PDB file of N, CA and C in Angstrom:
ATOM      1  N   MET A   1      10.457  21.058   6.955  1.00  0.00           N
ATOM      2  CA  MET A   1      11.903  20.824   5.824  1.00  0.00           C
ATOM      3  C   MET A   1      12.855  21.658   5.705  1.00  0.00           C
ATOM      4  N   THR A   2      13.918  21.327   6.252  1.00  0.00           N
ATOM      5  CA  THR A   2      15.160  22.608   6.159  1.00  0.00           C
ATOM      6  C   THR A   2      15.278  23.088   4.556  1.00  0.00           C
ATOM      7  N   SER A   3      16.038  24.055   4.017  1.00  0.00           N
ATOM      8  CA  SER A   3      16.066  24.594   3.041  1.00  0.00           C
ATOM      9  C   SER A   3      16.365  23.692   2.376  1.00  0.00           C
ATOM     10  N   THR A   4      18.059  22.850   2.635  1.00  0.00           N
ATOM     11  CA  THR A   4      18.816  22.021   2.281  1.00  0.00           C
ATOM     12  C   THR A   4      18.194  20.334   1.597  1.00  0.00           C
ATOM     13  N   LEU A   5      17.151  20.170   2.917  1.00  0.00           N
ATOM     14  CA  LEU A   5      16.383  19.103   2.344  1.00  0.00           C
ATOM     15  C   LEU A   5      15.642  19.358   0.847  1.00  0.00           C
ATOM     16  N   LYS A   6      15.023  20.540   1.102  1.00  0.00           N
ATOM     17  CA  LYS A   6      13.981  20.869   0.128  1.00  0.00           C
ATOM     18  C   LYS A   6      14.506  20.584  -1.149  1.00  0.00           C
ATOM     19  N   GLN A   7      15.895  21.376  -0.962  1.00  0.00           N
ATOM     20  CA  GLN A   7      16.706  21.400  -2.280  1.00  0.00           C
ATOM     21  C   GLN A   7      17.264  19.824  -3.001  1.00  0.00           C
ATOM     22  N   PHE A   8      17.832  19.441  -1.486  1.00  0.00           N
ATOM     23  CA  PHE A   8      18.004  17.884  -2.221  1.00  0.00           C
ATOM     24  C   PHE A   8      16.985  17.345  -2.986  1.00  0.00           C
ATOM     25  N   LYS A   9      15.725  17.129  -2.314  1.00  0.00           N
ATOM     26  CA  LYS A   9      14.451  16.450  -2.562  1.00  0.00           C
ATOM     27  C   LYS A   9      14.011  17.425  -4.157  1.00  0.00           C
ATOM     28  N   ALA A  10      13.868  18.762  -4.190  1.00  0.00           N
ATOM     29  CA  ALA A  10      13.634  18.837  -5.565  1.00  0.00           C
ATOM     30  C   ALA A  10      14.382  18.647  -6.629  1.00  0.00           C
ATOM     31  N   ARG A  11      16.064  18.440  -6.733  1.00  0.00           N
ATOM     32  CA  ARG A  11      17.270  17.998  -7.504  1.00  0.00           C
ATOM     33  C   ARG A  11      16.798  16.420  -7.776  1.00  0.00           C
ATOM     34  N   ALA A  12      16.133  15.575  -6.994  1.00  0.00           N
ATOM     35  CA  ALA A  12      16.343  14.144  -6.665  1.00  0.00           C
ATOM     36  C   ALA A  12      14.888  13.798  -7.858  1.00  0.00           C
ATOM     37  N   LEU A  13      13.750  14.601  -7.123  1.00  0.00           N
ATOM     38  CA  LEU A  13      13.043  14.618  -8.348  1.00  0.00           C
ATOM     39  C   LEU A  13      12.666  15.197  -9.550  1.00  0.00           C
ATOM     40  N   ALA A  14      13.270  15.621  -9.686  1.00  0.00           N
ATOM     41  CA  ALA A  14      13.965  16.548 -11.486  1.00  0.00           C
ATOM     42  C   ALA A  14      14.150  15.034 -12.286  1.00  0.00           C
ATOM     43  N   ARG A  15      14.753  13.883 -11.289  1.00  0.00           N
ATOM     44  CA  ARG A  15      15.340  12.807 -12.451  1.00  0.00           C
ATOM     45  C   ARG A  15      14.203  11.945 -12.401  1.00  0.00           C
ATOM     46  N   PRO A  16      13.884  11.448 -13.555  1.00  0.00           N
ATOM     47  CA  PRO A  16      12.603  10.893 -13.546  1.00  0.00           C
ATOM     48  C   PRO A  16      12.713   9.738 -13.199  1.00  0.00           C
ATOM     49  N   ASN A  17      13.615   8.772 -13.332  1.00  0.00           N
ATOM     50  CA  ASN A  17      13.827   7.702 -12.441  1.00  0.00           C
ATOM     51  C   ASN A  17      13.106   7.718 -10.912  1.00  0.00           C
ATOM     52  N   VAL A  18      13.821   8.855 -10.636  1.00  0.00           N
ATOM     53  CA  VAL A  18      13.647   9.041  -9.032  1.00  0.00           C
ATOM     54  C   VAL A  18      11.896   9.271  -8.817  1.00  0.00           C
ATOM     55  N   LYS A  19      11.782  10.514  -9.349  1.00  0.00           N
ATOM     56  CA  LYS A  19      10.065  10.940  -9.247  1.00  0.00           C
ATOM     57  C   LYS A  19       9.299   9.388  -9.498  1.00  0.00           C
ATOM     58  N   LYS A  20       8.982   8.569 -10.745  1.00  0.00           N
ATOM     59  CA  LYS A  20       8.635   7.474 -10.936  1.00  0.00           C
ATOM     60  C   LYS A  20       8.164   6.145  -9.497  1.00  0.00           C
ATOM     61  N   ALA A  21       9.831   6.408  -9.083  1.00  0.00           N
ATOM     62  CA  ALA A  21       9.982   5.591  -7.803  1.00  0.00           C
ATOM     63  C   ALA A  21       9.145   6.097  -6.387  1.00  0.00           C
ATOM     64  N   TYR A  22       9.422   7.464  -6.163  1.00  0.00           N
ATOM     65  CA  TYR A  22       8.783   8.170  -5.298  1.00  0.00           C
ATOM     66  C   TYR A  22       7.271   8.269  -5.821  1.00  0.00           C
ATOM     67  N   ASP A  23       6.775   8.341  -6.674  1.00  0.00           N
ATOM     68  CA  ASP A  23       5.228   8.202  -6.595  1.00  0.00           C
ATOM     69  C   ASP A  23       4.649   7.061  -6.764  1.00  0.00           C
ATOM     70  N   ASP A  24       5.568   6.086  -6.997  1.00  0.00           N
ATOM     71  CA  ASP A  24       5.082   4.447  -7.179  1.00  0.00           C
ATOM     72  C   ASP A  24       4.783   4.279  -5.007  1.00  0.00           C
ATOM     73  N   LEU A  25       5.735   4.772  -4.547  1.00  0.00           N
ATOM     74  CA  LEU A  25       5.508   4.297  -3.102  1.00  0.00           C
ATOM     75  C   LEU A  25       4.536   5.677  -2.228  1.00  0.00           C
ATOM     76  N   ALA A  26       3.597   6.505  -2.750  1.00  0.00           N
ATOM     77  CA  ALA A  26       2.918   7.393  -2.469  1.00  0.00           C
ATOM     78  C   ALA A  26       1.592   6.649  -1.978  1.00  0.00           C
ATOM     79  N   GLU A  27       1.430   5.677  -2.210  1.00  0.00           N
ATOM     80  CA  GLU A  27       0.119   4.612  -1.585  1.00  0.00           C
ATOM     81  C   GLU A  27       0.410   4.068  -0.359  1.00  0.00           C
ATOM     82  N   GLU A  28       1.741   3.725  -0.763  1.00  0.00           N
ATOM     83  CA  GLU A  28       1.989   2.766   0.751  1.00  0.00           C
ATOM     84  C   GLU A  28       2.611   3.815   2.051  1.00  0.00           C
ATOM     85  N   PHE A  29       3.154   4.917   1.774  1.00  0.00           N
ATOM     86  CA  PHE A  29       3.287   5.645   2.737  1.00  0.00           C
ATOM     87  C   PHE A  29       2.410   6.768   3.299  1.00  0.00           C
ATOM     88  N   ALA A  30       1.347   6.541   2.237  1.00  0.00           N
ATOM     89  CA  ALA A  30      -0.156   7.465   2.726  1.00  0.00           C
ATOM     90  C   ALA A  30      -0.614   6.635   3.756  1.00  0.00           C
ATOM     91  N   PHE A  31      -0.463   4.741   3.879  1.00  0.00           N
ATOM     92  CA  PHE A  31      -1.318   4.174   4.689  1.00  0.00           C
ATOM     93  C   PHE A  31      -0.637   4.076   5.783  1.00  0.00           C
ATOM     94  N   ILE A  32       1.056   4.192   5.707  1.00  0.00           N
ATOM     95  CA  ILE A  32       1.485   4.252   6.984  1.00  0.00           C
ATOM     96  C   ILE A  32       1.455   5.078   7.919  1.00  0.00           C
ATOM     97  N   ASP A  33       1.288   6.842   7.060  1.00  0.00           N
ATOM     98  CA  ASP A  33       0.749   7.619   7.975  1.00  0.00           C
ATOM     99  C   ASP A  33      -0.613   7.147   8.261  1.00  0.00           C
ATOM    100  N   GLU A  34      -1.675   6.968   7.620  1.00  0.00           N
ATOM    101  CA  GLU A  34      -2.723   6.478   8.391  1.00  0.00           C
ATOM    102  C   GLU A  34      -2.575   5.859   9.766  1.00  0.00           C
ATOM    103  N   VAL A  35      -1.908   4.745   9.633  1.00  0.00           N
ATOM    104  CA  VAL A  35      -1.453   3.686  10.920  1.00  0.00           C
ATOM    105  C   VAL A  35      -1.038   4.065  11.678  1.00  0.00           C
ATOM    106  N   LEU A  36       0.246   5.097  11.600  1.00  0.00           N
ATOM    107  CA  LEU A  36       0.462   5.903  12.883  1.00  0.00           C
ATOM    108  C   LEU A  36       0.003   6.750  13.417  1.00  0.00           C
ATOM    109  N   LYS A  37      -1.132   7.709  12.155  1.00  0.00           N
ATOM    110  CA  LYS A  37      -1.972   8.473  13.117  1.00  0.00           C
ATOM    111  C   LYS A  37      -2.953   7.737  13.834  1.00  0.00           C
ATOM    112  N   ALA A  38      -3.573   6.949  13.614  1.00  0.00           N
ATOM    113  CA  ALA A  38      -3.832   6.088  14.227  1.00  0.00           C
ATOM    114  C   ALA A  38      -4.057   5.759  15.820  1.00  0.00           C
ATOM    115  N   ARG A  39      -2.607   4.958  15.915  1.00  0.00           N
ATOM    116  CA  ARG A  39      -1.636   4.838  17.233  1.00  0.00           C
ATOM    117  C   ARG A  39      -2.000   5.932  17.799  1.00  0.00           C
ATOM    118  N   ALA A  40      -1.190   7.200  17.392  1.00  0.00           N
ATOM    119  CA  ALA A  40      -0.819   8.079  18.319  1.00  0.00           C
ATOM    120  C   ALA A  40      -2.574   8.689  18.858  1.00  0.00           C
ATOM    121  N   GLU A  41      -3.103   8.646  17.715  1.00  0.00           N
ATOM    122  CA  GLU A  41      -4.904   8.847  18.369  1.00  0.00           C
ATOM    123  C   GLU A  41      -5.439   8.071  19.228  1.00  0.00           C
ATOM    124  N   ALA A  42      -4.769   6.901  19.403  1.00  0.00           N
ATOM    125  CA  ALA A  42      -4.990   5.895  20.833  1.00  0.00           C
ATOM    126  C   ALA A  42      -4.439   6.209  21.758  1.00  0.00           C
ATOM    127  N   GLY A  43      -3.191   6.975  21.641  1.00  0.00           N
ATOM    128  CA  GLY A  43      -2.218   6.594  22.756  1.00  0.00           C
ATOM    129  C   GLY A  43      -1.484   5.635  23.484  1.00  0.00           C
ATOM    130  N   LEU A  44      -1.402   4.678  22.139  1.00  0.00           N
ATOM    131  CA  LEU A  44      -1.019   3.492  22.795  1.00  0.00           C
ATOM    132  C   LEU A  44       0.190   3.290  21.901  1.00  0.00           C
ATOM    133  N   SER A  45       1.077   3.263  22.979  1.00  0.00           N
ATOM    134  CA  SER A  45       2.705   2.400  22.403  1.00  0.00           C
ATOM    135  C   SER A  45       2.949   1.237  21.576  1.00  0.00           C
ATOM    136  N   GLN A  46       3.999   1.384  20.542  1.00  0.00           N
ATOM    137  CA  GLN A  46       3.973  -0.259  20.089  1.00  0.00           C
ATOM    138  C   GLN A  46       4.160  -1.643  20.877  1.00  0.00           C
ATOM    139  N   ALA A  47       4.679  -1.464  21.994  1.00  0.00           N
ATOM    140  CA  ALA A  47       4.073  -2.708  22.968  1.00  0.00           C
ATOM    141  C   ALA A  47       3.002  -2.821  23.380  1.00  0.00           C
ATOM    142  N   GLU A  48       2.448  -1.587  23.528  1.00  0.00           N
ATOM    143  CA  GLU A  48       0.891  -1.668  24.173  1.00  0.00           C
ATOM    144  C   GLU A  48      -0.314  -2.430  23.013  1.00  0.00           C
ATOM    145  N   VAL A  49       0.165  -1.932  21.894  1.00  0.00           N
ATOM    146  CA  VAL A  49      -0.558  -2.428  20.525  1.00  0.00           C
ATOM    147  C   VAL A  49      -0.189  -3.747  20.344  1.00  0.00           C
ATOM    148  N   ALA A  50       0.881  -4.276  20.520  1.00  0.00           N
ATOM    149  CA  ALA A  50       1.370  -5.681  20.372  1.00  0.00           C
ATOM    150  C   ALA A  50       0.859  -6.842  21.506  1.00  0.00           C
ATOM    151  N   ALA A  51       0.654  -5.987  22.651  1.00  0.00           N
ATOM    152  CA  ALA A  51      -0.100  -7.016  23.561  1.00  0.00           C
ATOM    153  C   ALA A  51      -1.271  -7.101  23.410  1.00  0.00           C
ATOM    154  N   ARG A  52      -2.006  -6.099  22.779  1.00  0.00           N
ATOM    155  CA  ARG A  52      -3.311  -6.272  22.825  1.00  0.00           C
ATOM    156  C   ARG A  52      -3.506  -7.098  21.178  1.00  0.00           C
ATOM    157  N   VAL A  53      -2.633  -7.186  20.323  1.00  0.00           N
ATOM    158  CA  VAL A  53      -2.708  -8.056  19.158  1.00  0.00           C
ATOM    159  C   VAL A  53      -2.490  -9.231  19.515  1.00  0.00           C
ATOM    160  N   GLY A  54      -1.629  -9.309  20.246  1.00  0.00           N
ATOM    161  CA  GLY A  54      -0.932 -10.890  20.775  1.00  0.00           C
ATOM    162  C   GLY A  54       0.288 -11.236  19.702  1.00  0.00           C
ATOM    163  N   THR A  55       1.057 -10.385  19.898  1.00  0.00           N
ATOM    164  CA  THR A  55       2.372 -10.360  18.946  1.00  0.00           C
ATOM    165  C   THR A  55       3.346  -9.542  20.092  1.00  0.00           C
ATOM    166  N   THR A  56       4.562  -9.485  19.263  1.00  0.00           N
ATOM    167  CA  THR A  56       5.478  -8.546  19.701  1.00  0.00           C
ATOM    168  C   THR A  56       5.902  -7.463  19.271  1.00  0.00           C
ATOM    169  N   GLN A  57       6.283  -6.451  20.011  1.00  0.00           N
ATOM    170  CA  GLN A  57       6.828  -4.966  19.655  1.00  0.00           C
ATOM    171  C   GLN A  57       7.404  -5.314  18.303  1.00  0.00           C
ATOM    172  N   SER A  58       7.924  -5.991  18.368  1.00  0.00           N
ATOM    173  CA  SER A  58       9.066  -5.583  16.972  1.00  0.00           C
ATOM    174  C   SER A  58       7.844  -6.170  15.728  1.00  0.00           C
ATOM    175  N   ALA A  59       7.219  -6.893  15.838  1.00  0.00           N
ATOM    176  CA  ALA A  59       5.868  -7.411  14.880  1.00  0.00           C
ATOM    177  C   ALA A  59       5.391  -6.150  14.367  1.00  0.00           C
ATOM    178  N   ILE A  60       5.142  -5.492  15.480  1.00  0.00           N
ATOM    179  CA  ILE A  60       4.264  -3.863  14.926  1.00  0.00           C
ATOM    180  C   ILE A  60       4.929  -2.971  14.452  1.00  0.00           C
ATOM    181  N   ALA A  61       6.606  -2.714  15.126  1.00  0.00           N
ATOM    182  CA  ALA A  61       7.316  -2.005  14.401  1.00  0.00           C
ATOM    183  C   ALA A  61       7.373  -2.337  12.630  1.00  0.00           C
ATOM    184  N   ARG A  62       7.539  -3.569  12.346  1.00  0.00           N
ATOM    185  CA  ARG A  62       7.703  -3.934  11.150  1.00  0.00           C
ATOM    186  C   ARG A  62       6.132  -3.737  10.694  1.00  0.00           C
ATOM    187  N   LEU A  63       5.144  -3.910  11.085  1.00  0.00           N
ATOM    188  CA  LEU A  63       3.851  -3.592  10.292  1.00  0.00           C
ATOM    189  C   LEU A  63       3.995  -1.883  10.451  1.00  0.00           C
ATOM    190  N   GLU A  64       4.406  -1.261  10.887  1.00  0.00           N
ATOM    191  CA  GLU A  64       4.371   0.408  10.824  1.00  0.00           C
ATOM    192  C   GLU A  64       5.640   0.924   9.973  1.00  0.00           C
ATOM    193  N   SER A  65       6.614   0.540   9.667  1.00  0.00           N
ATOM    194  CA  SER A  65       7.633   0.592   8.774  1.00  0.00           C
ATOM    195  C   SER A  65       7.718   0.723   7.592  1.00  0.00           C
ATOM    196  N   ALA A  66       8.188   1.314   6.993  1.00  0.00           N
ATOM    197  CA  ALA A  66       8.180   1.667   5.230  1.00  0.00           C
ATOM    198  C   ALA A  66       9.569   0.709   4.876  1.00  0.00           C
ATOM    199  N   ALA A  67      10.207   0.658   5.751  1.00  0.00           N
ATOM    200  CA  ALA A  67      11.686   0.709   5.207  1.00  0.00           C
ATOM    201  C   ALA A  67      11.873  -0.849   5.048  1.00  0.00           C
ATOM    202  N   THR A  68      11.026  -1.779   5.455  1.00  0.00           N
ATOM    203  CA  THR A  68      11.255  -3.289   5.085  1.00  0.00           C
ATOM    204  C   THR A  68       9.721  -3.685   4.291  1.00  0.00           C
ATOM    205  N   LYS A  69      10.015  -4.692   3.380  1.00  0.00           N
ATOM    206  CA  LYS A  69       9.062  -5.183   2.511  1.00  0.00           C
ATOM    207  C   LYS A  69       8.434  -6.275   3.220  1.00  0.00           C
ATOM    208  N   HIS A  70       7.630  -5.598   4.285  1.00  0.00           N
ATOM    209  CA  HIS A  70       6.620  -6.533   5.138  1.00  0.00           C
ATOM    210  C   HIS A  70       5.009  -6.576   4.341  1.00  0.00           C
ATOM    211  N   SER A  71       4.602  -7.558   4.344  1.00  0.00           N
ATOM    212  CA  SER A  71       3.421  -7.766   3.832  1.00  0.00           C
ATOM    213  C   SER A  71       2.514  -8.097   4.723  1.00  0.00           C
ATOM    214  N   PRO A  72       2.061  -7.412   5.916  1.00  0.00           N
ATOM    215  CA  PRO A  72       0.782  -8.004   6.709  1.00  0.00           C
ATOM    216  C   PRO A  72      -0.296  -8.440   5.912  1.00  0.00           C
ATOM    217  N   SER A  73      -0.778  -9.536   6.605  1.00  0.00           N
ATOM    218  CA  SER A  73      -2.162 -10.261   6.188  1.00  0.00           C
ATOM    219  C   SER A  73      -3.172  -9.326   6.503  1.00  0.00           C
ATOM    220  N   ILE A  74      -4.224  -9.500   5.954  1.00  0.00           N
ATOM    221  CA  ILE A  74      -5.493  -8.936   5.775  1.00  0.00           C
ATOM    222  C   ILE A  74      -5.844  -8.925   7.864  1.00  0.00           C
ATOM    223  N   ALA A  75      -5.966 -10.453   7.919  1.00  0.00           N
ATOM    224  CA  ALA A  75      -6.154 -10.789   9.266  1.00  0.00           C
ATOM    225  C   ALA A  75      -5.549  -9.992  10.724  1.00  0.00           C
ATOM    226  N   THR A  76      -3.865  -9.989  10.513  1.00  0.00           N
ATOM    227  CA  THR A  76      -3.083  -8.882  11.078  1.00  0.00           C
ATOM    228  C   THR A  76      -3.537  -7.838  11.238  1.00  0.00           C
ATOM    229  N   LEU A  77      -3.897  -7.032   9.957  1.00  0.00           N
ATOM    230  CA  LEU A  77      -3.913  -5.629  10.320  1.00  0.00           C
ATOM    231  C   LEU A  77      -5.712  -5.269  10.528  1.00  0.00           C
ATOM    232  N   ARG A  78      -6.487  -6.623  10.582  1.00  0.00           N
ATOM    233  CA  ARG A  78      -7.727  -6.289  11.129  1.00  0.00           C
ATOM    234  C   ARG A  78      -7.686  -6.410  12.353  1.00  0.00           C
ATOM    235  N   ARG A  79      -6.844  -7.000  13.496  1.00  0.00           N
ATOM    236  CA  ARG A  79      -6.501  -7.113  14.572  1.00  0.00           C
ATOM    237  C   ARG A  79      -5.803  -6.162  15.050  1.00  0.00           C
ATOM    238  N   TYR A  80      -4.736  -5.761  14.236  1.00  0.00           N
ATOM    239  CA  TYR A  80      -3.830  -4.330  14.439  1.00  0.00           C
ATOM    240  C   TYR A  80      -5.028  -3.047  14.841  1.00  0.00           C
ATOM    241  N   ALA A  81      -6.128  -2.737  13.885  1.00  0.00           N
ATOM    242  CA  ALA A  81      -7.373  -1.507  13.707  1.00  0.00           C
ATOM    243  C   ALA A  81      -8.015  -2.297  15.114  1.00  0.00           C
ATOM    244  N   LYS A  82      -8.579  -3.452  15.377  1.00  0.00           N
ATOM    245  CA  LYS A  82      -9.322  -3.594  16.603  1.00  0.00           C
ATOM    246  C   LYS A  82      -8.721  -3.165  17.923  1.00  0.00           C
ATOM    247  N   ALA A  83      -7.256  -3.258  17.974  1.00  0.00           N
ATOM    248  CA  ALA A  83      -6.565  -3.197  19.263  1.00  0.00           C
ATOM    249  C   ALA A  83      -6.190  -1.604  19.419  1.00  0.00           C
ATOM    250  N   LEU A  84      -6.780  -0.871  18.117  1.00  0.00           N
ATOM    251  CA  LEU A  84      -6.615   0.663  17.737  1.00  0.00           C
ATOM    252  C   LEU A  84      -8.092   1.176  18.007  1.00  0.00           C
ATOM    253  N   GLY A  85      -8.822   0.679  18.234  1.00  0.00           N
ATOM    254  CA  GLY A  85     -10.760   1.100  18.317  1.00  0.00           C
ATOM    255  C   GLY A  85     -10.670   1.046  16.912  1.00  0.00           C
ATOM    256  N   TYR A  86     -10.434   0.723  16.091  1.00  0.00           N
ATOM    257  CA  TYR A  86     -10.474   0.751  14.673  1.00  0.00           C
ATOM    258  C   TYR A  86     -11.167  -0.329  13.928  1.00  0.00           C
ATOM    259  N   LYS A  87     -11.759  -0.158  12.947  1.00  0.00           N
ATOM    260  CA  LYS A  87     -12.257  -1.320  11.815  1.00  0.00           C
ATOM    261  C   LYS A  87     -11.513  -1.102  10.564  1.00  0.00           C
ATOM    262  N   LEU A  88     -11.099  -2.454   9.996  1.00  0.00           N
ATOM    263  CA  LEU A  88     -10.469  -2.373   8.686  1.00  0.00           C
ATOM    264  C   LEU A  88     -11.322  -1.991   7.587  1.00  0.00           C
ATOM    265  N   GLU A  89     -10.882  -1.727   6.631  1.00  0.00           N
ATOM    266  CA  GLU A  89     -11.693  -1.423   5.381  1.00  0.00           C
ATOM    267  C   GLU A  89     -10.611  -1.752   4.123  1.00  0.00           C
ATOM    268  N   VAL A  90     -10.981  -2.443   3.180  1.00  0.00           N
ATOM    269  CA  VAL A  90     -10.027  -2.726   2.271  1.00  0.00           C
ATOM    270  C   VAL A  90     -11.362  -2.257   1.201  1.00  0.00           C
ATOM    271  N   ARG A  91     -10.660  -1.694   0.038  1.00  0.00           N
ATOM    272  CA  ARG A  91     -11.539  -1.075  -1.016  1.00  0.00           C
ATOM    273  C   ARG A  91     -10.261  -1.134  -2.586  1.00  0.00           C
ATOM    274  N   LEU A  92     -10.935  -1.398  -3.035  1.00  0.00           N
ATOM    275  CA  LEU A  92     -10.321  -1.157  -4.670  1.00  0.00           C
ATOM    276  C   LEU A  92     -11.129  -0.097  -5.089  1.00  0.00           C
ATOM    277  N   VAL A  93      -9.666   1.026  -5.955  1.00  0.00           N
ATOM    278  CA  VAL A  93     -10.615   1.936  -6.237  1.00  0.00           C
ATOM    279  C   VAL A  93     -10.127   2.154  -7.655  1.00  0.00           C
ATOM    280  N   LYS A  94     -10.676   2.639  -8.655  1.00  0.00           N
ATOM    281  CA  LYS A  94     -10.247   2.585  -9.827  1.00  0.00           C
ATOM    282  C   LYS A  94      -9.287   3.446 -10.142  1.00  0.00           C
ATOM    283  N   ASP A  95      -7.994   3.714 -10.604  1.00  0.00           N
ATOM    284  CA  ASP A  95      -7.240   4.140 -10.899  1.00  0.00           C
ATOM    285  C   ASP A  95      -7.471   5.162 -12.227  1.00  0.00           C
ATOM    286  N   GLU A  96      -7.854   5.978 -11.816  1.00  0.00           N
ATOM    287  CA  GLU A  96      -8.424   6.825 -13.109  1.00  0.00           C
ATOM    288  C   GLU A  96      -7.189   7.583 -13.946  1.00  0.00           C
ATOM    289  N   ARG A  97      -6.078   7.693 -13.429  1.00  0.00           N
ATOM    290  CA  ARG A  97      -4.433   8.160 -14.143  1.00  0.00           C
ATOM    291  C   ARG A  97      -4.369   6.915 -15.052  1.00  0.00           C
ATOM    292  N   ARG A  98      -4.884   5.540 -15.172  1.00  0.00           N
ATOM    293  CA  ARG A  98      -4.125   4.637 -15.855  1.00  0.00           C
ATOM    294  C   ARG A  98      -5.458   3.754 -16.467  1.00  0.00           C
ATOM    295  N   PRO A  99      -5.274   4.086 -18.194  1.00  0.00           N
ATOM    296  CA  PRO A  99      -6.490   3.274 -18.655  1.00  0.00           C
ATOM    297  C   PRO A  99      -6.572   1.875 -18.833  1.00  0.00           C
ATOM    298  N   THR A 100      -7.016   1.415 -18.806  1.00  0.00           N
ATOM    299  CA  THR A 100      -7.494  -0.431 -18.790  1.00  0.00           C
ATOM    300  C   THR A 100      -7.201  -0.879 -20.333  1.00  0.00           C
ATOM    301  N   THR A 101      -6.245  -1.889 -20.618  1.00  0.00           N
ATOM    302  CA  THR A 101      -6.270  -2.210 -21.906  1.00  0.00           C
ATOM    303  C   THR A 101      -7.118  -3.819 -21.619  1.00  0.00           C
ATOM    304  N   ARG A 102      -7.734  -3.620 -22.763  1.00  0.00           N
ATOM    305  CA  ARG A 102      -8.239  -5.264 -22.847  1.00  0.00           C
ATOM    306  C   ARG A 102      -7.823  -5.773 -24.446  1.00  0.00           C
ATOM    307  N   SER A 103      -7.167  -6.968 -23.871  1.00  0.00           N
ATOM    308  CA  SER A 103      -6.978  -7.355 -25.226  1.00  0.00           C
ATOM    309  C   SER A 103      -8.425  -8.205 -25.748  1.00  0.00           C
ATOM    310  N   LYS A 104      -8.271  -8.034 -27.517  1.00  0.00           N
ATOM    311  CA  LYS A 104      -9.164  -8.469 -27.861  1.00  0.00           C
ATOM    312  C   LYS A 104      -9.771  -9.949 -27.465  1.00  0.00           C
ATOM    313  N   GLU A 105     -10.886 -10.059 -27.420  1.00  0.00           N
ATOM    314  CA  GLU A 105     -11.698 -11.213 -26.815  1.00  0.00           C
ATOM    315  C   GLU A 105     -11.521 -12.327 -28.179  1.00  0.00           C
ATOM    316  N   ARG A 106     -11.134 -13.602 -27.871  1.00  0.00           N
ATOM    317  CA  ARG A 106     -10.669 -14.761 -28.419  1.00  0.00           C
ATOM    318  C   ARG A 106     -11.896 -15.625 -28.721  1.00  0.00           C
ATOM    319  N   LYS A 107     -12.451 -16.033 -29.896  1.00  0.00           N
ATOM    320  CA  LYS A 107     -13.742 -17.215 -29.817  1.00  0.00           C
ATOM    321  C   LYS A 107     -13.194 -17.965 -30.526  1.00  0.00           C
ATOM    322  N   VAL A 108     -13.126 -19.713 -29.940  1.00  0.00           N
ATOM    323  CA  VAL A 108     -12.438 -20.842 -30.882  1.00  0.00           C
ATOM    324  C   VAL A 108     -13.741 -20.926 -31.493  1.00  0.00           C
ATOM    325  N   ASP A 109     -13.316 -21.692 -32.643  1.00  0.00           N
ATOM    326  CA  ASP A 109     -13.979 -22.429 -33.263  1.00  0.00           C
ATOM    327  C   ASP A 109     -13.822 -23.685 -33.154  1.00  0.00           C
ATOM    328  N   ALA A 110     -14.705 -24.431 -32.554  1.00  0.00           N
ATOM    329  CA  ALA A 110     -14.532 -25.973 -32.085  1.00  0.00           C
ATOM    330  C   ALA A 110     -14.709 -26.796 -33.250  1.00  0.00           C
ATOM    331  N   SER A 111     -15.092 -26.646 -34.212  1.00  0.00           N
ATOM    332  CA  SER A 111     -15.172 -27.517 -35.181  1.00  0.00           C
ATOM    333  C   SER A 111     -13.548 -27.749 -36.170  1.00  0.00           C
ATOM    334  N   SER A 112     -13.125 -26.254 -36.294  1.00  0.00           N
ATOM    335  CA  SER A 112     -11.868 -25.951 -37.110  1.00  0.00           C
ATOM    336  C   SER A 112     -10.827 -26.073 -35.738  1.00  0.00           C
ATOM    337  N   ARG A 113     -10.693 -25.504 -35.085  1.00  0.00           N
ATOM    338  CA  ARG A 113      -9.964 -25.617 -34.092  1.00  0.00           C
ATOM    339  C   ARG A 113      -9.275 -24.293 -33.909  1.00  0.00           C
ATOM    340  N   HIS A 114      -9.613 -23.316 -34.585  1.00  0.00           N
ATOM    341  CA  HIS A 114      -8.659 -21.931 -35.154  1.00  0.00           C
ATOM    342  C   HIS A 114      -9.244 -20.716 -34.181  1.00  0.00           C
ATOM    343  N   SER A 115      -8.860 -20.298 -34.069  1.00  0.00           N
ATOM    344  CA  SER A 115      -9.051 -18.882 -33.141  1.00  0.00           C
ATOM    345  C   SER A 115      -9.559 -17.343 -33.852  1.00  0.00           C
ATOM    346  N   THR A 116     -10.558 -17.258 -33.918  1.00  0.00           N
ATOM    347  CA  THR A 116     -10.874 -16.060 -34.773  1.00  0.00           C
ATOM    348  C   THR A 116     -11.231 -14.451 -33.467  1.00  0.00           C
ATOM    349  N   ARG A 117     -11.272 -13.781 -34.279  1.00  0.00           N
ATOM    350  CA  ARG A 117     -11.284 -12.582 -33.085  1.00  0.00           C
ATOM    351  C   ARG A 117     -12.607 -11.842 -33.002  1.00  0.00           C
ATOM    352  N   VAL A 118     -13.341 -11.746 -31.962  1.00  0.00           N
ATOM    353  CA  VAL A 118     -14.473 -11.019 -31.864  1.00  0.00           C
ATOM    354  C   VAL A 118     -14.579  -9.393 -31.969  1.00  0.00           C
ATOM    355  N   ARG A 119     -15.024  -8.743 -32.615  1.00  0.00           N
ATOM    356  CA  ARG A 119     -15.152  -7.264 -32.741  1.00  0.00           C
ATOM    357  C   ARG A 119     -16.375  -6.781 -32.115  1.00  0.00           C
TER     358      ARG A 119
END
C-alpha cells in the first residue's frame, strides 16, 4: 500500500461511520479472499470454474466480487467449492463481541388471558 493510500485509509477510518461500515464488511471480504485464494491454488480461471460448475464466467465473477450485492445459494457455493477440489462448510460461530439480549419470557395465564413475566 502506498503512503498516500495508507494516509487516506487512516483518515477515512478515523471517521466513526466509515470505520463501522468497514468493520461490518470484514467477514464478507475475508470470505471473498478465501474464495479467490482457493481458485488461485487450484490454478483455474473463472471460465474454467464456470465450465465445471455449469454456469457462465460472469456468474463466477459476481460470486467472487465484493462490488455487487450477490447472495449465492448454498448449493451454488457447494458446486463452486467442488469445482476447485474443496468442500463447503457453513458454521454459526458465536460472536463474543456482541452480548445476546433476551427479552423477558412471558407466560400467559389461560384463565385470565393476562400475560405475566416469568422471573
